[in-house]
Amino acid sequence: MANRPLAYVLSERKANLGPMAGKTVIQARPTGRKRIDHRNFCEEVARATTFTGAEIEAVLRLAAEIAKRHVENGDIVEYGDLGTLTPSFQSKLVEKGKAEFNPNIHITKPVVRLSPSRKYFKLSGVSYERVEAPLKKGSTKPTPEPNTGGNGGGSNENE
């Protein structure tokens, strides 16, 4: 698969926080993204293996189910290059001496927490391409973009 630049548009807004609070600023925003559905992703992986798309999908689903089962039992699962899966929850505060702590009442919202791998989730070798802002609904003109000069192409040298 050939790499293509990450498309972005420039938008103008008023900064709310930090040293530029209250000033009008220009900010890049990613655009032109498409979603790759799970089935198509599995078919793409299958083309690089001796497995079928359905077999890839079954293995990925099984791996996710087994990992979740381990986390439900309190284990931490190192999920390859993606990162680490750990159990987490919220706990209500109970004043000492006023009430007995009851985990069935005071522990809420148990979840699987993903701690992403920094190495995997850091994009490198990425280039950028400025594109026209998409049309707003009900408009015949594109969203106005600030004039910043230059074409905005090239790669990110400041890593």
N, C-alpha and C. Protein backbone atom coordinates (compact mmCIF):
# COMPACT_ATOMS: atom_id res chain seq x y z
N MET A 1 0.85 -1.16 0.00
CA MET A 1 0.00 0.00 0.00
C MET A 1 0.91 1.24 0.00
N ALA A 2 0.72 2.11 -0.96
CA ALA A 2 1.53 3.32 -1.06
C ALA A 2 1.07 4.35 -0.02
N ASN A 3 2.05 5.02 0.57
CA ASN A 3 1.70 6.07 1.53
C ASN A 3 1.25 7.30 0.78
N ARG A 4 0.21 7.93 1.27
CA ARG A 4 -0.24 9.18 0.71
C ARG A 4 -0.25 10.22 1.82
N PRO A 5 -0.18 11.48 1.46
CA PRO A 5 -0.13 12.51 2.50
C PRO A 5 -1.41 12.57 3.31
N LEU A 6 -1.28 13.02 4.56
CA LEU A 6 -2.44 13.26 5.40
C LEU A 6 -3.05 14.60 4.97
N ALA A 7 -4.31 14.58 4.58
CA ALA A 7 -4.98 15.80 4.12
C ALA A 7 -5.41 16.64 5.32
N TYR A 8 -5.29 17.96 5.15
CA TYR A 8 -5.73 18.85 6.22
C TYR A 8 -6.32 20.12 5.63
N VAL A 9 -7.13 20.79 6.41
CA VAL A 9 -7.65 22.11 6.07
C VAL A 9 -7.23 23.05 7.19
N LEU A 10 -7.15 24.32 6.86
CA LEU A 10 -6.85 25.33 7.87
C LEU A 10 -8.14 25.98 8.30
N SER A 11 -8.31 26.17 9.59
CA SER A 11 -9.50 26.85 10.08
C SER A 11 -9.06 27.97 11.01
N GLU A 12 -9.90 28.98 11.07
CA GLU A 12 -9.63 30.13 11.90
C GLU A 12 -10.59 30.08 13.09
N ARG A 13 -10.06 30.36 14.28
CA ARG A 13 -10.90 30.36 15.47
C ARG A 13 -10.27 31.25 16.52
N LYS A 14 -11.00 31.51 17.56
CA LYS A 14 -10.50 32.31 18.68
C LYS A 14 -10.00 31.35 19.75
N ALA A 15 -8.75 31.55 20.20
CA ALA A 15 -8.17 30.70 21.24
C ALA A 15 -8.83 31.01 22.58
N ASN A 16 -9.12 29.97 23.37
CA ASN A 16 -9.77 30.14 24.67
C ASN A 16 -8.80 30.03 25.84
N LEU A 17 -7.70 29.29 25.67
CA LEU A 17 -6.77 29.03 26.76
C LEU A 17 -5.35 29.37 26.37
N GLY A 18 -4.48 29.45 27.35
CA GLY A 18 -3.05 29.60 27.12
C GLY A 18 -2.65 31.01 26.77
N PRO A 19 -1.41 31.15 26.31
CA PRO A 19 -0.87 32.48 26.04
C PRO A 19 -1.57 33.21 24.89
N MET A 20 -2.27 32.49 24.04
CA MET A 20 -2.97 33.12 22.91
C MET A 20 -4.46 33.30 23.18
N ALA A 21 -4.89 33.14 24.41
CA ALA A 21 -6.32 33.28 24.76
C ALA A 21 -6.84 34.63 24.28
N GLY A 22 -8.00 34.58 23.60
CA GLY A 22 -8.64 35.79 23.09
C GLY A 22 -8.17 36.22 21.72
N LYS A 23 -7.07 35.65 21.23
CA LYS A 23 -6.54 36.02 19.92
C LYS A 23 -7.10 35.09 18.85
N THR A 24 -7.19 35.61 17.62
CA THR A 24 -7.60 34.79 16.49
C THR A 24 -6.39 33.99 16.02
N VAL A 25 -6.57 32.68 15.90
CA VAL A 25 -5.48 31.79 15.52
C VAL A 25 -5.88 30.93 14.33
N ILE A 26 -4.89 30.39 13.66
CA ILE A 26 -5.12 29.47 12.54
C ILE A 26 -4.64 28.10 12.99
N GLN A 27 -5.45 27.09 12.71
CA GLN A 27 -5.12 25.74 13.15
C GLN A 27 -5.42 24.75 12.04
N ALA A 28 -4.51 23.76 11.86
CA ALA A 28 -4.73 22.70 10.88
C ALA A 28 -5.65 21.65 11.50
N ARG A 29 -6.51 21.08 10.67
CA ARG A 29 -7.45 20.05 11.11
C ARG A 29 -7.44 18.93 10.07
N PRO A 30 -7.26 17.67 10.49
CA PRO A 30 -7.25 16.57 9.51
C PRO A 30 -8.61 16.45 8.82
N THR A 31 -8.59 16.05 7.57
CA THR A 31 -9.83 15.89 6.81
C THR A 31 -9.64 14.80 5.77
N GLY A 32 -10.71 14.47 5.08
CA GLY A 32 -10.63 13.51 3.99
C GLY A 32 -10.36 12.09 4.43
N ARG A 33 -10.70 11.79 5.68
CA ARG A 33 -10.45 10.44 6.18
C ARG A 33 -11.61 9.53 5.80
N LYS A 34 -11.29 8.29 5.58
CA LYS A 34 -12.35 7.31 5.34
C LYS A 34 -12.20 6.19 6.36
N ARG A 35 -13.28 5.52 6.62
CA ARG A 35 -13.29 4.43 7.58
C ARG A 35 -13.14 3.11 6.83
N ILE A 36 -12.25 2.26 7.31
CA ILE A 36 -12.07 0.92 6.74
C ILE A 36 -12.85 -0.03 7.65
N ASP A 37 -13.90 -0.63 7.12
CA ASP A 37 -14.69 -1.51 7.98
C ASP A 37 -13.94 -2.81 8.27
N HIS A 38 -14.38 -3.49 9.32
CA HIS A 38 -13.67 -4.67 9.82
C HIS A 38 -13.55 -5.76 8.76
N ARG A 39 -14.60 -6.01 8.03
CA ARG A 39 -14.56 -7.07 7.02
C ARG A 39 -13.54 -6.77 5.94
N ASN A 40 -13.51 -5.53 5.45
CA ASN A 40 -12.53 -5.16 4.43
C ASN A 40 -11.11 -5.20 4.97
N PHE A 41 -10.95 -4.81 6.23
CA PHE A 41 -9.64 -4.89 6.86
C PHE A 41 -9.16 -6.34 6.90
N CYS A 42 -10.04 -7.25 7.30
CA CYS A 42 -9.69 -8.67 7.36
C CYS A 42 -9.35 -9.22 5.98
N GLU A 43 -10.09 -8.81 4.96
CA GLU A 43 -9.81 -9.25 3.59
C GLU A 43 -8.42 -8.76 3.15
N GLU A 44 -8.08 -7.54 3.51
CA GLU A 44 -6.77 -6.99 3.15
C GLU A 44 -5.65 -7.77 3.83
N VAL A 45 -5.83 -8.09 5.11
CA VAL A 45 -4.84 -8.89 5.83
C VAL A 45 -4.74 -10.27 5.20
N ALA A 46 -5.86 -10.84 4.83
CA ALA A 46 -5.89 -12.19 4.24
C ALA A 46 -5.10 -12.26 2.94
N ARG A 47 -5.14 -11.20 2.15
CA ARG A 47 -4.41 -11.20 0.88
C ARG A 47 -2.90 -11.35 1.09
N ALA A 48 -2.41 -11.02 2.27
CA ALA A 48 -0.98 -11.13 2.56
C ALA A 48 -0.65 -12.44 3.28
N THR A 49 -1.64 -13.33 3.43
CA THR A 49 -1.43 -14.59 4.14
C THR A 49 -2.04 -15.74 3.35
N THR A 50 -2.00 -16.92 3.95
CA THR A 50 -2.65 -18.08 3.34
C THR A 50 -4.03 -18.30 3.92
N PHE A 51 -4.49 -17.38 4.79
CA PHE A 51 -5.80 -17.49 5.40
C PHE A 51 -6.85 -16.75 4.59
N THR A 52 -8.11 -17.07 4.84
CA THR A 52 -9.20 -16.32 4.21
C THR A 52 -9.57 -15.14 5.10
N GLY A 53 -10.32 -14.23 4.54
CA GLY A 53 -10.79 -13.08 5.32
C GLY A 53 -11.62 -13.52 6.51
N ALA A 54 -12.45 -14.55 6.32
CA ALA A 54 -13.28 -15.05 7.41
C ALA A 54 -12.43 -15.65 8.53
N GLU A 55 -11.35 -16.34 8.16
CA GLU A 55 -10.46 -16.92 9.18
C GLU A 55 -9.75 -15.81 9.96
N ILE A 56 -9.29 -14.78 9.25
CA ILE A 56 -8.64 -13.64 9.92
C ILE A 56 -9.63 -12.99 10.89
N GLU A 57 -10.85 -12.75 10.43
CA GLU A 57 -11.88 -12.13 11.27
C GLU A 57 -12.15 -12.99 12.51
N ALA A 58 -12.23 -14.30 12.33
CA ALA A 58 -12.49 -15.21 13.45
C ALA A 58 -11.35 -15.17 14.46
N VAL A 59 -10.11 -15.14 13.99
CA VAL A 59 -8.96 -15.11 14.89
C VAL A 59 -8.92 -13.79 15.65
N LEU A 60 -9.17 -12.66 14.96
CA LEU A 60 -9.18 -11.36 15.64
C LEU A 60 -10.28 -11.29 16.68
N ARG A 61 -11.45 -11.78 16.34
CA ARG A 61 -12.58 -11.78 17.28
C ARG A 61 -12.26 -12.66 18.49
N LEU A 62 -11.71 -13.85 18.25
CA LEU A 62 -11.36 -14.76 19.34
C LEU A 62 -10.29 -14.14 20.24
N ALA A 63 -9.28 -13.50 19.65
CA ALA A 63 -8.21 -12.87 20.44
C ALA A 63 -8.80 -11.78 21.33
N ALA A 64 -9.71 -10.97 20.80
CA ALA A 64 -10.33 -9.90 21.59
C ALA A 64 -11.18 -10.48 22.72
N GLU A 65 -11.93 -11.56 22.45
CA GLU A 65 -12.76 -12.18 23.48
C GLU A 65 -11.91 -12.78 24.60
N ILE A 66 -10.83 -13.45 24.23
CA ILE A 66 -9.96 -14.08 25.24
C ILE A 66 -9.27 -13.00 26.07
N ALA A 67 -8.80 -11.93 25.41
CA ALA A 67 -8.15 -10.83 26.14
C ALA A 67 -9.13 -10.21 27.13
N LYS A 68 -10.38 -9.99 26.70
CA LYS A 68 -11.38 -9.40 27.58
C LYS A 68 -11.66 -10.31 28.78
N ARG A 69 -11.72 -11.60 28.53
CA ARG A 69 -11.97 -12.56 29.61
C ARG A 69 -10.85 -12.50 30.66
N HIS A 70 -9.60 -12.40 30.20
CA HIS A 70 -8.48 -12.28 31.14
C HIS A 70 -8.59 -10.98 31.95
N VAL A 71 -8.92 -9.88 31.29
CA VAL A 71 -9.04 -8.59 31.98
C VAL A 71 -10.19 -8.62 32.97
N GLU A 72 -11.31 -9.28 32.62
CA GLU A 72 -12.43 -9.42 33.55
C GLU A 72 -12.03 -10.19 34.80
N ASN A 73 -11.01 -11.04 34.67
CA ASN A 73 -10.51 -11.80 35.83
C ASN A 73 -9.41 -11.05 36.57
N GLY A 74 -9.17 -9.79 36.19
CA GLY A 74 -8.19 -8.97 36.89
C GLY A 74 -6.79 -9.00 36.31
N ASP A 75 -6.59 -9.74 35.23
CA ASP A 75 -5.26 -9.84 34.64
C ASP A 75 -4.96 -8.64 33.74
N ILE A 76 -3.68 -8.40 33.51
CA ILE A 76 -3.23 -7.39 32.55
C ILE A 76 -2.76 -8.14 31.32
N VAL A 77 -3.25 -7.74 30.15
CA VAL A 77 -2.91 -8.43 28.91
C VAL A 77 -2.05 -7.52 28.04
N GLU A 78 -0.85 -7.99 27.70
CA GLU A 78 -0.03 -7.28 26.74
C GLU A 78 -0.51 -7.70 25.35
N TYR A 79 -1.12 -6.75 24.65
CA TYR A 79 -1.80 -7.05 23.39
C TYR A 79 -0.91 -6.65 22.21
N GLY A 80 0.29 -7.20 22.19
CA GLY A 80 1.21 -6.99 21.08
C GLY A 80 1.56 -5.52 20.90
N ASP A 81 1.71 -5.12 19.66
CA ASP A 81 2.12 -3.76 19.32
C ASP A 81 1.07 -2.72 19.69
N LEU A 82 -0.19 -3.15 19.91
CA LEU A 82 -1.23 -2.18 20.23
C LEU A 82 -1.05 -1.57 21.62
N GLY A 83 -0.63 -2.36 22.58
CA GLY A 83 -0.44 -1.85 23.93
C GLY A 83 -0.89 -2.84 24.97
N THR A 84 -1.25 -2.32 26.15
CA THR A 84 -1.60 -3.15 27.29
C THR A 84 -3.05 -2.93 27.67
N LEU A 85 -3.78 -4.02 27.93
CA LEU A 85 -5.17 -3.97 28.37
C LEU A 85 -5.20 -4.23 29.88
N THR A 86 -5.83 -3.32 30.63
CA THR A 86 -5.90 -3.48 32.07
C THR A 86 -7.33 -3.24 32.54
N PRO A 87 -7.72 -3.87 33.67
CA PRO A 87 -9.04 -3.58 34.22
C PRO A 87 -9.02 -2.24 34.95
N SER A 88 -10.13 -1.53 34.92
CA SER A 88 -10.25 -0.27 35.63
C SER A 88 -11.71 -0.08 36.01
N PHE A 89 -11.96 0.82 36.96
CA PHE A 89 -13.33 1.13 37.37
C PHE A 89 -13.33 2.46 38.11
N GLN A 90 -14.52 2.98 38.38
CA GLN A 90 -14.67 4.17 39.21
C GLN A 90 -15.15 3.71 40.59
N SER A 91 -14.78 4.48 41.60
CA SER A 91 -15.19 4.15 42.96
C SER A 91 -15.79 5.39 43.61
N LYS A 92 -16.96 5.22 44.21
CA LYS A 92 -17.59 6.31 44.95
C LYS A 92 -16.87 6.48 46.28
N LEU A 93 -16.87 7.70 46.80
CA LEU A 93 -16.25 7.98 48.09
C LEU A 93 -17.21 7.61 49.22
N VAL A 94 -16.67 6.98 50.24
CA VAL A 94 -17.45 6.61 51.41
C VAL A 94 -16.72 7.17 52.62
N GLU A 95 -17.42 8.01 53.40
CA GLU A 95 -16.78 8.62 54.56
C GLU A 95 -16.48 7.55 55.60
N LYS A 96 -15.25 7.58 56.09
CA LYS A 96 -14.80 6.60 57.07
C LYS A 96 -15.63 6.71 58.34
N GLY A 97 -16.10 5.58 58.84
CA GLY A 97 -16.88 5.53 60.06
C GLY A 97 -18.36 5.79 59.87
N LYS A 98 -18.80 6.30 58.72
CA LYS A 98 -20.22 6.60 58.48
C LYS A 98 -20.95 5.42 57.85
N ALA A 99 -20.27 4.71 56.96
CA ALA A 99 -20.90 3.60 56.26
C ALA A 99 -19.86 2.55 55.92
N GLU A 100 -20.31 1.35 55.73
CA GLU A 100 -19.46 0.24 55.32
C GLU A 100 -19.26 0.32 53.80
N PHE A 101 -18.02 0.13 53.33
CA PHE A 101 -17.76 0.12 51.89
C PHE A 101 -18.33 -1.16 51.30
N ASN A 102 -19.22 -1.03 50.32
CA ASN A 102 -19.83 -2.17 49.65
C ASN A 102 -19.42 -2.13 48.18
N PRO A 103 -18.57 -3.06 47.73
CA PRO A 103 -18.09 -3.00 46.36
C PRO A 103 -19.21 -3.10 45.32
N ASN A 104 -20.31 -3.78 45.65
CA ASN A 104 -21.41 -3.90 44.70
C ASN A 104 -22.15 -2.57 44.50
N ILE A 105 -22.03 -1.67 45.46
CA ILE A 105 -22.69 -0.37 45.38
C ILE A 105 -21.69 0.73 45.01
N HIS A 106 -20.52 0.69 45.63
CA HIS A 106 -19.58 1.80 45.53
C HIS A 106 -18.58 1.70 44.39
N ILE A 107 -18.40 0.55 43.80
CA ILE A 107 -17.54 0.43 42.62
C ILE A 107 -18.45 0.41 41.40
N THR A 108 -18.18 1.34 40.46
CA THR A 108 -19.05 1.47 39.28
C THR A 108 -18.21 1.53 38.00
N LYS A 109 -18.89 1.37 36.90
CA LYS A 109 -18.33 1.51 35.56
C LYS A 109 -17.04 0.73 35.33
N PRO A 110 -17.07 -0.59 35.50
CA PRO A 110 -15.86 -1.36 35.18
C PRO A 110 -15.62 -1.34 33.67
N VAL A 111 -14.36 -1.13 33.29
CA VAL A 111 -14.01 -1.03 31.87
C VAL A 111 -12.67 -1.71 31.61
N VAL A 112 -12.42 -1.98 30.33
CA VAL A 112 -11.10 -2.39 29.87
C VAL A 112 -10.41 -1.11 29.43
N ARG A 113 -9.24 -0.85 29.98
CA ARG A 113 -8.48 0.35 29.64
C ARG A 113 -7.32 -0.06 28.75
N LEU A 114 -7.18 0.61 27.60
CA LEU A 114 -6.06 0.37 26.69
C LEU A 114 -5.00 1.43 26.95
N SER A 115 -3.80 0.99 27.31
CA SER A 115 -2.65 1.88 27.39
C SER A 115 -1.86 1.67 26.11
N PRO A 116 -2.03 2.58 25.15
CA PRO A 116 -1.43 2.36 23.84
C PRO A 116 0.10 2.34 23.88
N SER A 117 0.67 1.54 23.00
CA SER A 117 2.11 1.50 22.84
C SER A 117 2.56 2.80 22.17
N ARG A 118 3.46 3.52 22.81
CA ARG A 118 3.93 4.79 22.24
C ARG A 118 4.59 4.58 20.89
N LYS A 119 5.38 3.52 20.78
CA LYS A 119 6.09 3.25 19.53
C LYS A 119 5.11 3.00 18.38
N TYR A 120 4.08 2.21 18.65
CA TYR A 120 3.12 1.85 17.60
C TYR A 120 2.24 3.03 17.20
N PHE A 121 1.81 3.83 18.17
CA PHE A 121 0.85 4.88 17.88
C PHE A 121 1.48 6.21 17.48
N LYS A 122 2.80 6.27 17.40
CA LYS A 122 3.46 7.47 16.91
C LYS A 122 3.69 7.29 15.41
N LEU A 123 3.11 8.17 14.62
CA LEU A 123 3.27 8.09 13.17
C LEU A 123 4.59 8.73 12.79
N SER A 124 5.34 8.05 11.92
CA SER A 124 6.60 8.62 11.45
C SER A 124 6.62 8.49 9.93
N GLY A 125 7.39 9.31 9.28
CA GLY A 125 7.46 9.26 7.83
C GLY A 125 6.19 9.76 7.18
N VAL A 126 5.47 10.66 7.86
CA VAL A 126 4.19 11.16 7.35
C VAL A 126 4.44 12.47 6.61
N SER A 127 3.73 12.66 5.52
CA SER A 127 3.76 13.94 4.83
C SER A 127 2.35 14.53 4.89
N TYR A 128 2.23 15.81 4.52
CA TYR A 128 0.96 16.51 4.67
C TYR A 128 0.59 17.19 3.36
N GLU A 129 -0.71 17.30 3.14
CA GLU A 129 -1.20 17.96 1.94
C GLU A 129 -2.40 18.82 2.33
N ARG A 130 -2.30 20.12 2.03
CA ARG A 130 -3.41 21.02 2.32
C ARG A 130 -4.45 20.86 1.22
N VAL A 131 -5.72 20.75 1.63
CA VAL A 131 -6.82 20.61 0.68
C VAL A 131 -7.86 21.69 0.97
N GLU A 132 -8.78 21.87 0.04
CA GLU A 132 -9.86 22.83 0.23
C GLU A 132 -10.81 22.32 1.31
N ALA A 133 -11.34 23.25 2.08
CA ALA A 133 -12.31 22.88 3.11
C ALA A 133 -13.55 22.31 2.45
N PRO A 134 -14.19 21.31 3.05
CA PRO A 134 -15.41 20.74 2.46
C PRO A 134 -16.55 21.76 2.51
N LEU A 135 -17.52 21.57 1.63
CA LEU A 135 -18.69 22.45 1.61
C LEU A 135 -19.50 22.25 2.89
N LYS A 136 -19.98 23.37 3.43
CA LYS A 136 -20.89 23.27 4.58
C LYS A 136 -22.26 22.91 4.05
N LYS A 137 -23.07 22.23 4.86
CA LYS A 137 -24.40 21.82 4.43
C LYS A 137 -25.22 23.04 4.06
N GLY A 138 -25.87 22.98 2.90
CA GLY A 138 -26.73 24.06 2.44
C GLY A 138 -25.97 25.23 1.82
N SER A 139 -24.66 25.08 1.64
CA SER A 139 -23.86 26.16 1.07
C SER A 139 -23.35 25.76 -0.31
N THR A 140 -23.14 26.75 -1.15
CA THR A 140 -22.58 26.48 -2.48
C THR A 140 -21.12 26.89 -2.54
N LYS A 141 -20.61 27.53 -1.47
CA LYS A 141 -19.22 27.95 -1.41
C LYS A 141 -18.51 27.14 -0.34
N PRO A 142 -17.22 26.83 -0.57
CA PRO A 142 -16.48 26.14 0.48
C PRO A 142 -16.28 27.05 1.69
N THR A 143 -16.06 26.44 2.84
CA THR A 143 -15.78 27.19 4.05
C THR A 143 -14.54 28.05 3.79
N PRO A 144 -14.59 29.35 4.12
CA PRO A 144 -13.43 30.19 3.85
C PRO A 144 -12.23 29.74 4.67
N GLU A 145 -11.07 29.72 4.01
CA GLU A 145 -9.83 29.34 4.68
C GLU A 145 -8.95 30.57 4.80
N PRO A 146 -8.20 30.67 5.87
CA PRO A 146 -7.30 31.80 6.01
C PRO A 146 -6.19 31.73 4.98
N ASN A 147 -5.71 32.87 4.54
CA ASN A 147 -4.62 32.93 3.57
C ASN A 147 -3.32 32.93 4.36
N THR A 148 -2.54 31.86 4.23
CA THR A 148 -1.28 31.77 4.97
C THR A 148 -0.09 31.76 4.04
N GLY A 149 -0.33 31.80 2.75
CA GLY A 149 0.80 31.73 1.82
C GLY A 149 1.38 30.33 1.81
N GLY A 150 2.11 29.98 0.80
CA GLY A 150 2.72 28.65 0.72
C GLY A 150 1.67 27.59 0.48
N ASN A 151 2.14 26.40 0.10
CA ASN A 151 1.19 25.33 -0.20
C ASN A 151 1.02 24.35 0.94
N GLY A 152 1.85 24.43 1.96
CA GLY A 152 1.66 23.55 3.13
C GLY A 152 2.10 22.12 2.90
N GLY A 153 2.69 21.81 1.75
CA GLY A 153 3.11 20.44 1.50
C GLY A 153 4.38 20.12 2.24
N GLY A 154 4.88 18.91 2.04
CA GLY A 154 6.15 18.53 2.65
C GLY A 154 5.92 17.62 3.84
N SER A 155 7.03 17.26 4.45
CA SER A 155 6.92 16.33 5.57
C SER A 155 7.16 17.04 6.88
N ASN A 156 6.85 16.36 7.94
CA ASN A 156 7.00 16.92 9.28
C ASN A 156 8.44 16.71 9.74
N GLU A 157 9.23 17.76 9.75
CA GLU A 157 10.64 17.65 10.13
C GLU A 157 10.84 17.85 11.62
N ASN A 158 9.83 18.34 12.33
CA ASN A 158 9.97 18.70 13.74
C ASN A 158 9.53 17.59 14.67
N GLU A 159 10.17 16.46 14.64
CA GLU A 159 9.79 15.36 15.52
C GLU A 159 10.74 15.24 16.66
